[in-house]
Amino acid sequence: MVSKELIEQYKQEIEILIRKNNFQTLRYELFNEQSNLPWATHLFYRDNKFMINK
């Protein structure tokens, strides 16, 4: 299982890359499996894999 600290580090790194590449207009949820926003791309970590749902 990945620690909350490591997930937070991943989240920060992804957000830096989003800003660096001017993708701020993307709608996304990072590592929040409880979110059900239909218009957002969801990135999460489960079973030792990164997963993306649209």
PDB file of N, CA and C in Angstrom:
ATOM      1  N   MET A   1       0.844  -1.188   0.000  1.00  0.00           N
ATOM      2  CA  MET A   1       0.000   0.000   0.000  1.00  0.00           C
ATOM      3  C   MET A   1       0.886   1.247   0.000  1.00  0.00           C
ATOM      4  N   VAL A   2       0.507   2.208  -0.783  1.00  0.00           N
ATOM      5  CA  VAL A   2       1.258   3.448  -0.897  1.00  0.00           C
ATOM      6  C   VAL A   2       0.855   4.381   0.246  1.00  0.00           C
ATOM      7  N   SER A   3       1.823   5.020   0.839  1.00  0.00           N
ATOM      8  CA  SER A   3       1.558   5.924   1.956  1.00  0.00           C
ATOM      9  C   SER A   3       0.874   7.204   1.476  1.00  0.00           C
ATOM     10  N   LYS A   4       0.179   7.856   2.391  1.00  0.00           N
ATOM     11  CA  LYS A   4      -0.475   9.126   2.068  1.00  0.00           C
ATOM     12  C   LYS A   4       0.544  10.180   1.677  1.00  0.00           C
ATOM     13  N   GLU A   5       1.717  10.116   2.284  1.00  0.00           N
ATOM     14  CA  GLU A   5       2.774  11.077   1.962  1.00  0.00           C
ATOM     15  C   GLU A   5       3.247  10.912   0.521  1.00  0.00           C
ATOM     16  N   LEU A   6       3.383   9.664   0.088  1.00  0.00           N
ATOM     17  CA  LEU A   6       3.818   9.416  -1.280  1.00  0.00           C
ATOM     18  C   LEU A   6       2.738   9.849  -2.275  1.00  0.00           C
ATOM     19  N   ILE A   7       1.489   9.574  -1.955  1.00  0.00           N
ATOM     20  CA  ILE A   7       0.381  10.021  -2.820  1.00  0.00           C
ATOM     21  C   ILE A   7       0.387  11.543  -2.918  1.00  0.00           C
ATOM     22  N   GLU A   8       0.600  12.213  -1.812  1.00  0.00           N
ATOM     23  CA  GLU A   8       0.644  13.683  -1.824  1.00  0.00           C
ATOM     24  C   GLU A   8       1.810  14.176  -2.672  1.00  0.00           C
ATOM     25  N   GLN A   9       2.933  13.495  -2.614  1.00  0.00           N
ATOM     26  CA  GLN A   9       4.089  13.862  -3.445  1.00  0.00           C
ATOM     27  C   GLN A   9       3.750  13.690  -4.930  1.00  0.00           C
ATOM     28  N   TYR A  10       3.126  12.565  -5.278  1.00  0.00           N
ATOM     29  CA  TYR A  10       2.691  12.349  -6.670  1.00  0.00           C
ATOM     30  C   TYR A  10       1.758  13.466  -7.120  1.00  0.00           C
ATOM     31  N   LYS A  11       0.816  13.795  -6.256  1.00  0.00           N
ATOM     32  CA  LYS A  11      -0.166  14.829  -6.581  1.00  0.00           C
ATOM     33  C   LYS A  11       0.527  16.167  -6.862  1.00  0.00           C
ATOM     34  N   GLN A  12       1.475  16.526  -6.027  1.00  0.00           N
ATOM     35  CA  GLN A  12       2.200  17.781  -6.224  1.00  0.00           C
ATOM     36  C   GLN A  12       2.994  17.771  -7.526  1.00  0.00           C
ATOM     37  N   GLU A  13       3.655  16.659  -7.816  1.00  0.00           N
ATOM     38  CA  GLU A  13       4.433  16.559  -9.053  1.00  0.00           C
ATOM     39  C   GLU A  13       3.536  16.665 -10.286  1.00  0.00           C
ATOM     40  N   ILE A  14       2.391  16.030 -10.241  1.00  0.00           N
ATOM     41  CA  ILE A  14       1.451  16.089 -11.370  1.00  0.00           C
ATOM     42  C   ILE A  14       0.932  17.502 -11.550  1.00  0.00           C
ATOM     43  N   GLU A  15       0.592  18.168 -10.447  1.00  0.00           N
ATOM     44  CA  GLU A  15       0.091  19.543 -10.550  1.00  0.00           C
ATOM     45  C   GLU A  15       1.157  20.494 -11.085  1.00  0.00           C
ATOM     46  N   ILE A  16       2.410  20.279 -10.747  1.00  0.00           N
ATOM     47  CA  ILE A  16       3.505  21.084 -11.300  1.00  0.00           C
ATOM     48  C   ILE A  16       3.585  20.886 -12.809  1.00  0.00           C
ATOM     49  N   LEU A  17       3.502  19.633 -13.256  1.00  0.00           N
ATOM     50  CA  LEU A  17       3.547  19.355 -14.696  1.00  0.00           C
ATOM     51  C   LEU A  17       2.343  19.949 -15.423  1.00  0.00           C
ATOM     52  N   ILE A  18       1.193  19.919 -14.794  1.00  0.00           N
ATOM     53  CA  ILE A  18       0.000  20.518 -15.399  1.00  0.00           C
ATOM     54  C   ILE A  18       0.221  22.012 -15.621  1.00  0.00           C
ATOM     55  N   ARG A  19       0.726  22.700 -14.609  1.00  0.00           N
ATOM     56  CA  ARG A  19       1.002  24.142 -14.746  1.00  0.00           C
ATOM     57  C   ARG A  19       2.103  24.397 -15.768  1.00  0.00           C
ATOM     58  N   LYS A  20       3.157  23.597 -15.726  1.00  0.00           N
ATOM     59  CA  LYS A  20       4.293  23.782 -16.639  1.00  0.00           C
ATOM     60  C   LYS A  20       3.858  23.655 -18.098  1.00  0.00           C
ATOM     61  N   ASN A  21       2.913  22.764 -18.360  1.00  0.00           N
ATOM     62  CA  ASN A  21       2.449  22.531 -19.725  1.00  0.00           C
ATOM     63  C   ASN A  21       1.182  23.313 -20.079  1.00  0.00           C
ATOM     64  N   ASN A  22       0.820  24.265 -19.208  1.00  0.00           N
ATOM     65  CA  ASN A  22      -0.348  25.125 -19.436  1.00  0.00           C
ATOM     66  C   ASN A  22      -1.639  24.334 -19.635  1.00  0.00           C
ATOM     67  N   PHE A  23      -1.827  23.309 -18.812  1.00  0.00           N
ATOM     68  CA  PHE A  23      -3.041  22.493 -18.870  1.00  0.00           C
ATOM     69  C   PHE A  23      -3.993  22.838 -17.722  1.00  0.00           C
ATOM     70  N   GLN A  24      -3.935  24.072 -17.207  1.00  0.00           N
ATOM     71  CA  GLN A  24      -4.747  24.448 -16.068  1.00  0.00           C
ATOM     72  C   GLN A  24      -6.248  24.363 -16.344  1.00  0.00           C
ATOM     73  N   THR A  25      -6.641  24.397 -17.597  1.00  0.00           N
ATOM     74  CA  THR A  25      -8.068  24.336 -17.908  1.00  0.00           C
ATOM     75  C   THR A  25      -8.613  22.916 -17.875  1.00  0.00           C
ATOM     76  N   LEU A  26      -7.747  21.925 -17.722  1.00  0.00           N
ATOM     77  CA  LEU A  26      -8.223  20.548 -17.588  1.00  0.00           C
ATOM     78  C   LEU A  26      -9.033  20.408 -16.308  1.00  0.00           C
ATOM     79  N   ARG A  27     -10.030  19.571 -16.344  1.00  0.00           N
ATOM     80  CA  ARG A  27     -10.808  19.258 -15.144  1.00  0.00           C
ATOM     81  C   ARG A  27     -10.413  17.866 -14.703  1.00  0.00           C
ATOM     82  N   TYR A  28      -9.890  17.760 -13.496  1.00  0.00           N
ATOM     83  CA  TYR A  28      -9.346  16.486 -13.039  1.00  0.00           C
ATOM     84  C   TYR A  28      -9.529  16.328 -11.541  1.00  0.00           C
ATOM     85  N   GLU A  29      -9.470  15.113 -11.117  1.00  0.00           N
ATOM     86  CA  GLU A  29      -9.433  14.738  -9.702  1.00  0.00           C
ATOM     87  C   GLU A  29      -8.218  13.837  -9.531  1.00  0.00           C
ATOM     88  N   LEU A  30      -7.361  14.163  -8.597  1.00  0.00           N
ATOM     89  CA  LEU A  30      -6.156  13.374  -8.366  1.00  0.00           C
ATOM     90  C   LEU A  30      -6.301  12.561  -7.086  1.00  0.00           C
ATOM     91  N   PHE A  31      -6.257  11.258  -7.226  1.00  0.00           N
ATOM     92  CA  PHE A  31      -6.238  10.319  -6.110  1.00  0.00           C
ATOM     93  C   PHE A  31      -7.435  10.487  -5.175  1.00  0.00           C
ATOM     94  N   ASN A  32      -8.616  10.713  -5.756  1.00  0.00           N
ATOM     95  CA  ASN A  32      -9.845  10.837  -4.977  1.00  0.00           C
ATOM     96  C   ASN A  32     -10.886   9.907  -5.591  1.00  0.00           C
ATOM     97  N   GLU A  33     -10.891   8.649  -5.181  1.00  0.00           N
ATOM     98  CA  GLU A  33     -11.803   7.662  -5.753  1.00  0.00           C
ATOM     99  C   GLU A  33     -13.261   7.926  -5.398  1.00  0.00           C
ATOM    100  N   GLN A  34     -13.525   8.709  -4.366  1.00  0.00           N
ATOM    101  CA  GLN A  34     -14.888   9.001  -3.976  1.00  0.00           C
ATOM    102  C   GLN A  34     -15.541  10.065  -4.858  1.00  0.00           C
ATOM    103  N   SER A  35     -14.750  10.809  -5.581  1.00  0.00           N
ATOM    104  CA  SER A  35     -15.302  11.845  -6.455  1.00  0.00           C
ATOM    105  C   SER A  35     -16.054  11.207  -7.612  1.00  0.00           C
ATOM    106  N   ASN A  36     -17.211  11.750  -7.925  1.00  0.00           N
ATOM    107  CA  ASN A  36     -17.982  11.240  -9.059  1.00  0.00           C
ATOM    108  C   ASN A  36     -18.312  12.348 -10.049  1.00  0.00           C
ATOM    109  N   LEU A  37     -17.437  13.321 -10.167  1.00  0.00           N
ATOM    110  CA  LEU A  37     -17.646  14.409 -11.112  1.00  0.00           C
ATOM    111  C   LEU A  37     -17.619  13.852 -12.535  1.00  0.00           C
ATOM    112  N   PRO A  38     -18.723  13.923 -13.259  1.00  0.00           N
ATOM    113  CA  PRO A  38     -18.803  13.283 -14.570  1.00  0.00           C
ATOM    114  C   PRO A  38     -17.941  13.945 -15.643  1.00  0.00           C
ATOM    115  N   TRP A  39     -17.585  15.203 -15.461  1.00  0.00           N
ATOM    116  CA  TRP A  39     -16.855  15.946 -16.484  1.00  0.00           C
ATOM    117  C   TRP A  39     -15.353  15.959 -16.253  1.00  0.00           C
ATOM    118  N   ALA A  40     -14.895  15.303 -15.201  1.00  0.00           N
ATOM    119  CA  ALA A  40     -13.468  15.342 -14.854  1.00  0.00           C
ATOM    120  C   ALA A  40     -12.781  14.018 -15.190  1.00  0.00           C
ATOM    121  N   THR A  41     -11.494  14.120 -15.485  1.00  0.00           N
ATOM    122  CA  THR A  41     -10.654  12.935 -15.616  1.00  0.00           C
ATOM    123  C   THR A  41     -10.162  12.579 -14.215  1.00  0.00           C
ATOM    124  N   HIS A  42     -10.282  11.322 -13.854  1.00  0.00           N
ATOM    125  CA  HIS A  42      -9.926  10.872 -12.512  1.00  0.00           C
ATOM    126  C   HIS A  42      -8.672  10.002 -12.580  1.00  0.00           C
ATOM    127  N   LEU A  43      -7.661  10.397 -11.838  1.00  0.00           N
ATOM    128  CA  LEU A  43      -6.423   9.625 -11.731  1.00  0.00           C
ATOM    129  C   LEU A  43      -6.350   9.089 -10.308  1.00  0.00           C
ATOM    130  N   PHE A  44      -6.168   7.779 -10.169  1.00  0.00           N
ATOM    131  CA  PHE A  44      -6.045   7.206  -8.845  1.00  0.00           C
ATOM    132  C   PHE A  44      -5.120   6.004  -8.865  1.00  0.00           C
ATOM    133  N   TYR A  45      -4.818   5.504  -7.675  1.00  0.00           N
ATOM    134  CA  TYR A  45      -3.862   4.408  -7.504  1.00  0.00           C
ATOM    135  C   TYR A  45      -4.578   3.283  -6.771  1.00  0.00           C
ATOM    136  N   ARG A  46      -4.610   2.100  -7.394  1.00  0.00           N
ATOM    137  CA  ARG A  46      -5.253   0.938  -6.778  1.00  0.00           C
ATOM    138  C   ARG A  46      -4.529  -0.322  -7.224  1.00  0.00           C
ATOM    139  N   ASP A  47      -4.367  -1.250  -6.320  1.00  0.00           N
ATOM    140  CA  ASP A  47      -3.735  -2.539  -6.628  1.00  0.00           C
ATOM    141  C   ASP A  47      -2.369  -2.371  -7.286  1.00  0.00           C
ATOM    142  N   ASN A  48      -1.578  -1.445  -6.756  1.00  0.00           N
ATOM    143  CA  ASN A  48      -0.225  -1.171  -7.266  1.00  0.00           C
ATOM    144  C   ASN A  48      -0.197  -0.700  -8.717  1.00  0.00           C
ATOM    145  N   LYS A  49      -1.288  -0.034  -9.148  1.00  0.00           N
ATOM    146  CA  LYS A  49      -1.363   0.484 -10.515  1.00  0.00           C
ATOM    147  C   LYS A  49      -1.980   1.879 -10.494  1.00  0.00           C
ATOM    148  N   PHE A  50      -1.490   2.732 -11.384  1.00  0.00           N
ATOM    149  CA  PHE A  50      -2.160   3.998 -11.611  1.00  0.00           C
ATOM    150  C   PHE A  50      -3.291   3.759 -12.594  1.00  0.00           C
ATOM    151  N   MET A  51      -4.451   4.360 -12.313  1.00  0.00           N
ATOM    152  CA  MET A  51      -5.607   4.171 -13.175  1.00  0.00           C
ATOM    153  C   MET A  51      -6.221   5.517 -13.517  1.00  0.00           C
ATOM    154  N   ILE A  52      -6.798   5.592 -14.709  1.00  0.00           N
ATOM    155  CA  ILE A  52      -7.468   6.808 -15.157  1.00  0.00           C
ATOM    156  C   ILE A  52      -8.866   6.439 -15.621  1.00  0.00           C
ATOM    157  N   ASN A  53      -9.836   7.187 -15.112  1.00  0.00           N
ATOM    158  CA  ASN A  53     -11.232   7.046 -15.567  1.00  0.00           C
ATOM    159  C   ASN A  53     -11.683   8.371 -16.139  1.00  0.00           C
ATOM    160  N   LYS A  54     -12.447   8.303 -17.182  1.00  0.00           N
ATOM    161  CA  LYS A  54     -13.034   9.520 -17.751  1.00  0.00           C
ATOM    162  C   LYS A  54     -14.511   9.442 -17.605  1.00  0.00           C
TER     163      LYS A  54
END
